[in-house]
Amino acid sequence: MYTKYVTLKESTIYNDTNGNVYPDIFSFPIDKFIYTETAEKYALTSRDIYRFDLLVYNYYSDSNYDDVILWLNNINHIEDVTPGTIINLPSRKDVINFYRDNFAWYTIISTI
């Protein structure tokens, strides 16, 4: 499963008393996302908000992209939005290129 958490570097600042480290949220390279195609504008329904993973799966054939779609739309948590909120759905090609270009492990997974 390739969520944003496997893409983050370990924090060098934050860890707990047991020595467990946490992902550094600022290490995710969302600023490197490149739109080569026009993103589709989509109005969320209450069902989309309740099962955002299904919306993402239906659009991209992979629900693991849900975190990236939320980040690209500046949404901290899907429950923070209301029905009718317009989001941008980048092309599947642009999402795949983002992972391929920024995460070496994605190229290996995508060829299996």
N, C-alpha and C. Protein backbone atom coordinates (compact mmCIF):
# COMPACT_ATOMS: atom_id res chain seq x y z
N MET A 1 0.85 -1.17 0.00
CA MET A 1 0.00 0.00 0.00
C MET A 1 0.89 1.24 0.00
N TYR A 2 0.65 2.14 -0.90
CA TYR A 2 1.52 3.30 -1.03
C TYR A 2 0.78 4.59 -0.72
N THR A 3 0.55 4.81 0.54
CA THR A 3 -0.06 6.04 0.98
C THR A 3 1.04 7.08 1.17
N LYS A 4 0.65 8.28 1.53
CA LYS A 4 1.65 9.32 1.75
C LYS A 4 2.62 8.94 2.87
N TYR A 5 2.20 8.10 3.79
CA TYR A 5 3.05 7.78 4.93
C TYR A 5 4.29 6.99 4.54
N VAL A 6 4.21 6.16 3.51
CA VAL A 6 5.40 5.43 3.08
C VAL A 6 6.31 6.31 2.24
N THR A 7 5.83 7.47 1.86
CA THR A 7 6.65 8.39 1.08
C THR A 7 7.38 9.40 1.95
N LEU A 8 6.98 9.51 3.20
CA LEU A 8 7.57 10.50 4.09
C LEU A 8 8.87 10.01 4.70
N LYS A 9 9.77 10.93 4.93
CA LYS A 9 11.02 10.60 5.62
C LYS A 9 10.74 10.58 7.12
N GLU A 10 11.58 9.86 7.84
CA GLU A 10 11.43 9.84 9.29
C GLU A 10 11.85 11.19 9.85
N SER A 11 11.13 11.62 10.85
CA SER A 11 11.44 12.89 11.49
C SER A 11 12.73 12.76 12.28
N THR A 12 13.54 13.77 12.21
CA THR A 12 14.75 13.80 13.02
C THR A 12 14.51 14.58 14.31
N ILE A 13 13.31 15.13 14.43
CA ILE A 13 12.98 15.96 15.58
C ILE A 13 12.02 15.26 16.54
N TYR A 14 10.99 14.62 15.98
CA TYR A 14 9.93 14.08 16.81
C TYR A 14 10.04 12.57 16.98
N ASN A 15 10.13 12.15 18.23
CA ASN A 15 10.03 10.74 18.58
C ASN A 15 9.49 10.64 19.99
N ASP A 16 9.00 9.45 20.33
CA ASP A 16 8.42 9.31 21.66
C ASP A 16 9.46 8.76 22.64
N THR A 17 9.03 8.55 23.87
CA THR A 17 9.96 8.09 24.90
C THR A 17 10.49 6.69 24.65
N ASN A 18 9.83 5.92 23.79
CA ASN A 18 10.29 4.58 23.45
C ASN A 18 11.25 4.60 22.26
N GLY A 19 11.51 5.79 21.72
CA GLY A 19 12.41 5.91 20.59
C GLY A 19 11.75 5.74 19.24
N ASN A 20 10.44 5.60 19.23
CA ASN A 20 9.73 5.48 17.95
C ASN A 20 9.76 6.82 17.23
N VAL A 21 10.10 6.79 15.95
CA VAL A 21 10.12 8.02 15.17
C VAL A 21 8.81 8.15 14.39
N TYR A 22 8.52 9.36 14.00
CA TYR A 22 7.29 9.65 13.27
C TYR A 22 7.62 10.23 11.91
N PRO A 23 6.71 10.05 10.97
CA PRO A 23 6.96 10.62 9.64
C PRO A 23 6.97 12.15 9.70
N ASP A 24 7.84 12.72 8.89
CA ASP A 24 7.92 14.17 8.79
C ASP A 24 7.00 14.62 7.66
N ILE A 25 5.85 15.17 8.01
CA ILE A 25 4.83 15.54 7.04
C ILE A 25 5.35 16.54 6.01
N PHE A 26 6.34 17.33 6.39
CA PHE A 26 6.88 18.35 5.49
C PHE A 26 7.83 17.78 4.44
N SER A 27 8.13 16.49 4.54
CA SER A 27 9.03 15.89 3.56
C SER A 27 8.30 15.36 2.33
N PHE A 28 6.97 15.41 2.33
CA PHE A 28 6.22 14.94 1.17
C PHE A 28 6.33 15.99 0.07
N PRO A 29 6.76 15.60 -1.14
CA PRO A 29 7.06 16.59 -2.19
C PRO A 29 5.85 17.03 -3.01
N ILE A 30 4.76 17.40 -2.35
CA ILE A 30 3.54 17.78 -3.08
C ILE A 30 3.80 18.96 -4.01
N ASP A 31 4.78 19.78 -3.68
CA ASP A 31 5.10 20.93 -4.53
C ASP A 31 5.71 20.51 -5.87
N LYS A 32 6.08 19.24 -6.00
CA LYS A 32 6.64 18.73 -7.24
C LYS A 32 5.58 18.11 -8.16
N PHE A 33 4.32 18.19 -7.73
CA PHE A 33 3.26 17.63 -8.57
C PHE A 33 3.11 18.51 -9.81
N ILE A 34 3.13 17.88 -10.98
CA ILE A 34 3.04 18.62 -12.24
C ILE A 34 1.76 18.23 -12.97
N TYR A 35 0.97 19.24 -13.29
CA TYR A 35 -0.23 19.02 -14.10
C TYR A 35 0.16 19.14 -15.57
N THR A 36 0.06 18.05 -16.30
CA THR A 36 0.30 18.11 -17.75
C THR A 36 -1.02 18.09 -18.51
N GLU A 37 -2.07 17.71 -17.80
CA GLU A 37 -3.41 17.70 -18.37
C GLU A 37 -4.34 18.47 -17.43
N THR A 38 -5.42 18.96 -17.96
CA THR A 38 -6.37 19.72 -17.15
C THR A 38 -7.05 18.80 -16.15
N ALA A 39 -7.07 19.24 -14.90
CA ALA A 39 -7.75 18.47 -13.86
C ALA A 39 -9.26 18.61 -14.03
N GLU A 40 -9.97 17.55 -13.71
CA GLU A 40 -11.43 17.57 -13.79
C GLU A 40 -11.99 18.17 -12.51
N LYS A 41 -12.89 19.10 -12.65
CA LYS A 41 -13.58 19.66 -11.48
C LYS A 41 -14.72 18.72 -11.13
N TYR A 42 -14.85 18.43 -9.84
CA TYR A 42 -15.83 17.45 -9.39
C TYR A 42 -16.51 17.97 -8.12
N ALA A 43 -17.83 17.91 -8.09
CA ALA A 43 -18.59 18.32 -6.90
C ALA A 43 -18.82 17.09 -6.02
N LEU A 44 -18.32 17.15 -4.81
CA LEU A 44 -18.47 16.03 -3.88
C LEU A 44 -19.91 15.87 -3.42
N THR A 45 -20.33 14.62 -3.29
CA THR A 45 -21.63 14.29 -2.72
C THR A 45 -21.41 13.81 -1.29
N SER A 46 -22.46 13.63 -0.55
CA SER A 46 -22.31 13.12 0.81
C SER A 46 -21.74 11.70 0.78
N ARG A 47 -22.10 10.92 -0.23
CA ARG A 47 -21.54 9.56 -0.36
C ARG A 47 -20.04 9.62 -0.62
N ASP A 48 -19.60 10.57 -1.45
CA ASP A 48 -18.17 10.73 -1.72
C ASP A 48 -17.40 11.06 -0.45
N ILE A 49 -17.99 11.90 0.37
CA ILE A 49 -17.34 12.29 1.62
C ILE A 49 -17.27 11.10 2.56
N TYR A 50 -18.35 10.34 2.63
CA TYR A 50 -18.40 9.18 3.51
C TYR A 50 -17.45 8.08 3.04
N ARG A 51 -17.32 7.88 1.75
CA ARG A 51 -16.44 6.84 1.19
C ARG A 51 -15.55 7.44 0.10
N PHE A 52 -14.70 8.36 0.51
CA PHE A 52 -13.80 9.02 -0.43
C PHE A 52 -12.91 8.02 -1.15
N ASP A 53 -12.56 6.96 -0.44
CA ASP A 53 -11.72 5.93 -1.05
C ASP A 53 -12.39 5.31 -2.28
N LEU A 54 -13.71 5.16 -2.25
CA LEU A 54 -14.42 4.60 -3.40
C LEU A 54 -14.44 5.57 -4.58
N LEU A 55 -14.61 6.85 -4.30
CA LEU A 55 -14.54 7.85 -5.37
C LEU A 55 -13.18 7.78 -6.05
N VAL A 56 -12.13 7.76 -5.25
CA VAL A 56 -10.78 7.72 -5.80
C VAL A 56 -10.56 6.42 -6.57
N TYR A 57 -11.04 5.33 -6.03
CA TYR A 57 -10.90 4.04 -6.73
C TYR A 57 -11.64 4.07 -8.08
N ASN A 58 -12.85 4.58 -8.08
CA ASN A 58 -13.63 4.63 -9.32
C ASN A 58 -12.97 5.53 -10.37
N TYR A 59 -12.30 6.56 -9.92
CA TYR A 59 -11.67 7.50 -10.86
C TYR A 59 -10.28 7.04 -11.32
N TYR A 60 -9.51 6.47 -10.38
CA TYR A 60 -8.11 6.12 -10.67
C TYR A 60 -7.83 4.62 -10.71
N SER A 61 -8.80 3.81 -10.40
CA SER A 61 -8.62 2.35 -10.28
C SER A 61 -7.64 2.00 -9.17
N ASP A 62 -7.52 2.88 -8.19
CA ASP A 62 -6.61 2.65 -7.07
C ASP A 62 -6.98 3.62 -5.95
N SER A 63 -7.43 3.10 -4.84
CA SER A 63 -7.85 3.97 -3.74
C SER A 63 -6.69 4.55 -2.95
N ASN A 64 -5.48 4.07 -3.19
CA ASN A 64 -4.32 4.56 -2.46
C ASN A 64 -3.94 6.00 -2.78
N TYR A 65 -4.52 6.54 -3.82
CA TYR A 65 -4.22 7.93 -4.18
C TYR A 65 -5.06 8.94 -3.40
N ASP A 66 -5.88 8.49 -2.49
CA ASP A 66 -6.79 9.40 -1.79
C ASP A 66 -6.05 10.51 -1.04
N ASP A 67 -4.95 10.18 -0.39
CA ASP A 67 -4.20 11.19 0.35
C ASP A 67 -3.66 12.28 -0.56
N VAL A 68 -3.13 11.89 -1.70
CA VAL A 68 -2.56 12.87 -2.63
C VAL A 68 -3.65 13.79 -3.16
N ILE A 69 -4.81 13.23 -3.48
CA ILE A 69 -5.91 14.04 -3.99
C ILE A 69 -6.36 15.04 -2.93
N LEU A 70 -6.45 14.60 -1.69
CA LEU A 70 -6.81 15.53 -0.61
C LEU A 70 -5.76 16.63 -0.47
N TRP A 71 -4.48 16.27 -0.49
CA TRP A 71 -3.42 17.26 -0.34
C TRP A 71 -3.43 18.25 -1.48
N LEU A 72 -3.62 17.77 -2.69
CA LEU A 72 -3.64 18.68 -3.85
C LEU A 72 -4.79 19.67 -3.77
N ASN A 73 -5.85 19.29 -3.05
CA ASN A 73 -7.01 20.15 -2.90
C ASN A 73 -7.02 20.90 -1.57
N ASN A 74 -5.89 20.86 -0.86
CA ASN A 74 -5.75 21.54 0.44
C ASN A 74 -6.83 21.14 1.43
N ILE A 75 -7.14 19.85 1.45
CA ILE A 75 -8.13 19.32 2.40
C ILE A 75 -7.38 18.49 3.42
N ASN A 76 -7.44 18.91 4.68
CA ASN A 76 -6.76 18.18 5.74
C ASN A 76 -7.42 16.84 6.04
N HIS A 77 -8.72 16.82 6.02
CA HIS A 77 -9.48 15.60 6.30
C HIS A 77 -10.77 15.68 5.50
N ILE A 78 -11.16 14.59 4.90
CA ILE A 78 -12.34 14.59 4.03
C ILE A 78 -13.60 15.03 4.77
N GLU A 79 -13.68 14.78 6.06
CA GLU A 79 -14.86 15.18 6.82
C GLU A 79 -14.90 16.69 7.09
N ASP A 80 -13.87 17.40 6.67
CA ASP A 80 -13.84 18.87 6.81
C ASP A 80 -14.63 19.57 5.71
N VAL A 81 -15.07 18.83 4.68
CA VAL A 81 -15.79 19.43 3.56
C VAL A 81 -17.27 19.07 3.62
N THR A 82 -18.05 19.78 2.84
CA THR A 82 -19.49 19.54 2.79
C THR A 82 -19.89 19.14 1.37
N PRO A 83 -21.04 18.48 1.24
CA PRO A 83 -21.51 18.15 -0.11
C PRO A 83 -21.59 19.40 -0.97
N GLY A 84 -21.18 19.25 -2.22
CA GLY A 84 -21.15 20.38 -3.14
C GLY A 84 -19.79 21.03 -3.26
N THR A 85 -18.87 20.69 -2.35
CA THR A 85 -17.50 21.22 -2.44
C THR A 85 -16.88 20.75 -3.75
N ILE A 86 -16.30 21.68 -4.47
CA ILE A 86 -15.66 21.37 -5.74
C ILE A 86 -14.19 21.03 -5.50
N ILE A 87 -13.77 19.88 -6.00
CA ILE A 87 -12.36 19.51 -5.92
C ILE A 87 -11.83 19.29 -7.34
N ASN A 88 -10.53 19.33 -7.46
CA ASN A 88 -9.87 19.04 -8.73
C ASN A 88 -9.35 17.61 -8.69
N LEU A 89 -9.69 16.85 -9.72
CA LEU A 89 -9.18 15.49 -9.86
C LEU A 89 -8.17 15.50 -11.02
N PRO A 90 -6.87 15.45 -10.68
CA PRO A 90 -5.88 15.43 -11.74
C PRO A 90 -5.99 14.14 -12.54
N SER A 91 -5.43 14.15 -13.73
CA SER A 91 -5.49 12.95 -14.55
C SER A 91 -4.74 11.80 -13.89
N ARG A 92 -5.16 10.60 -14.21
CA ARG A 92 -4.48 9.40 -13.69
C ARG A 92 -3.02 9.42 -14.13
N LYS A 93 -2.78 9.83 -15.35
CA LYS A 93 -1.42 9.92 -15.88
C LYS A 93 -0.55 10.84 -15.02
N ASP A 94 -1.08 12.01 -14.64
CA ASP A 94 -0.30 12.95 -13.83
C ASP A 94 -0.01 12.38 -12.43
N VAL A 95 -0.97 11.67 -11.85
CA VAL A 95 -0.76 11.08 -10.53
C VAL A 95 0.30 9.99 -10.61
N ILE A 96 0.19 9.13 -11.60
CA ILE A 96 1.17 8.06 -11.76
C ILE A 96 2.56 8.64 -12.02
N ASN A 97 2.64 9.66 -12.87
CA ASN A 97 3.94 10.29 -13.14
C ASN A 97 4.54 10.90 -11.88
N PHE A 98 3.71 11.48 -11.03
CA PHE A 98 4.19 12.07 -9.78
C PHE A 98 4.86 11.01 -8.92
N TYR A 99 4.18 9.89 -8.74
CA TYR A 99 4.77 8.81 -7.94
C TYR A 99 6.02 8.25 -8.60
N ARG A 100 5.95 7.99 -9.89
CA ARG A 100 7.09 7.43 -10.60
C ARG A 100 8.32 8.35 -10.53
N ASP A 101 8.10 9.65 -10.68
CA ASP A 101 9.21 10.60 -10.71
C ASP A 101 9.79 10.92 -9.34
N ASN A 102 9.02 10.70 -8.28
CA ASN A 102 9.47 11.11 -6.95
C ASN A 102 9.77 9.97 -5.99
N PHE A 103 9.34 8.77 -6.31
CA PHE A 103 9.52 7.65 -5.39
C PHE A 103 10.01 6.43 -6.15
N ALA A 104 11.26 6.07 -5.96
CA ALA A 104 11.86 4.96 -6.70
C ALA A 104 11.10 3.66 -6.48
N TRP A 105 10.59 3.43 -5.27
CA TRP A 105 9.89 2.18 -4.98
C TRP A 105 8.62 2.05 -5.81
N TYR A 106 8.02 3.16 -6.25
CA TYR A 106 6.77 3.08 -7.01
C TYR A 106 7.01 2.43 -8.37
N THR A 107 8.13 2.72 -8.99
CA THR A 107 8.45 2.13 -10.28
C THR A 107 8.54 0.61 -10.15
N ILE A 108 9.11 0.14 -9.05
CA ILE A 108 9.21 -1.30 -8.83
C ILE A 108 7.84 -1.91 -8.63
N ILE A 109 6.99 -1.31 -7.80
CA ILE A 109 5.64 -1.83 -7.54
C ILE A 109 4.80 -1.82 -8.79
N SER A 110 4.88 -0.76 -9.56
CA SER A 110 4.00 -0.62 -10.72
C SER A 110 4.37 -1.57 -11.86
N THR A 111 5.54 -2.18 -11.80
CA THR A 111 5.93 -3.12 -12.85
C THR A 111 5.67 -4.56 -12.45
N ILE A 112 5.25 -4.79 -11.23
CA ILE A 112 4.97 -6.16 -10.76
C ILE A 112 3.63 -6.63 -11.26
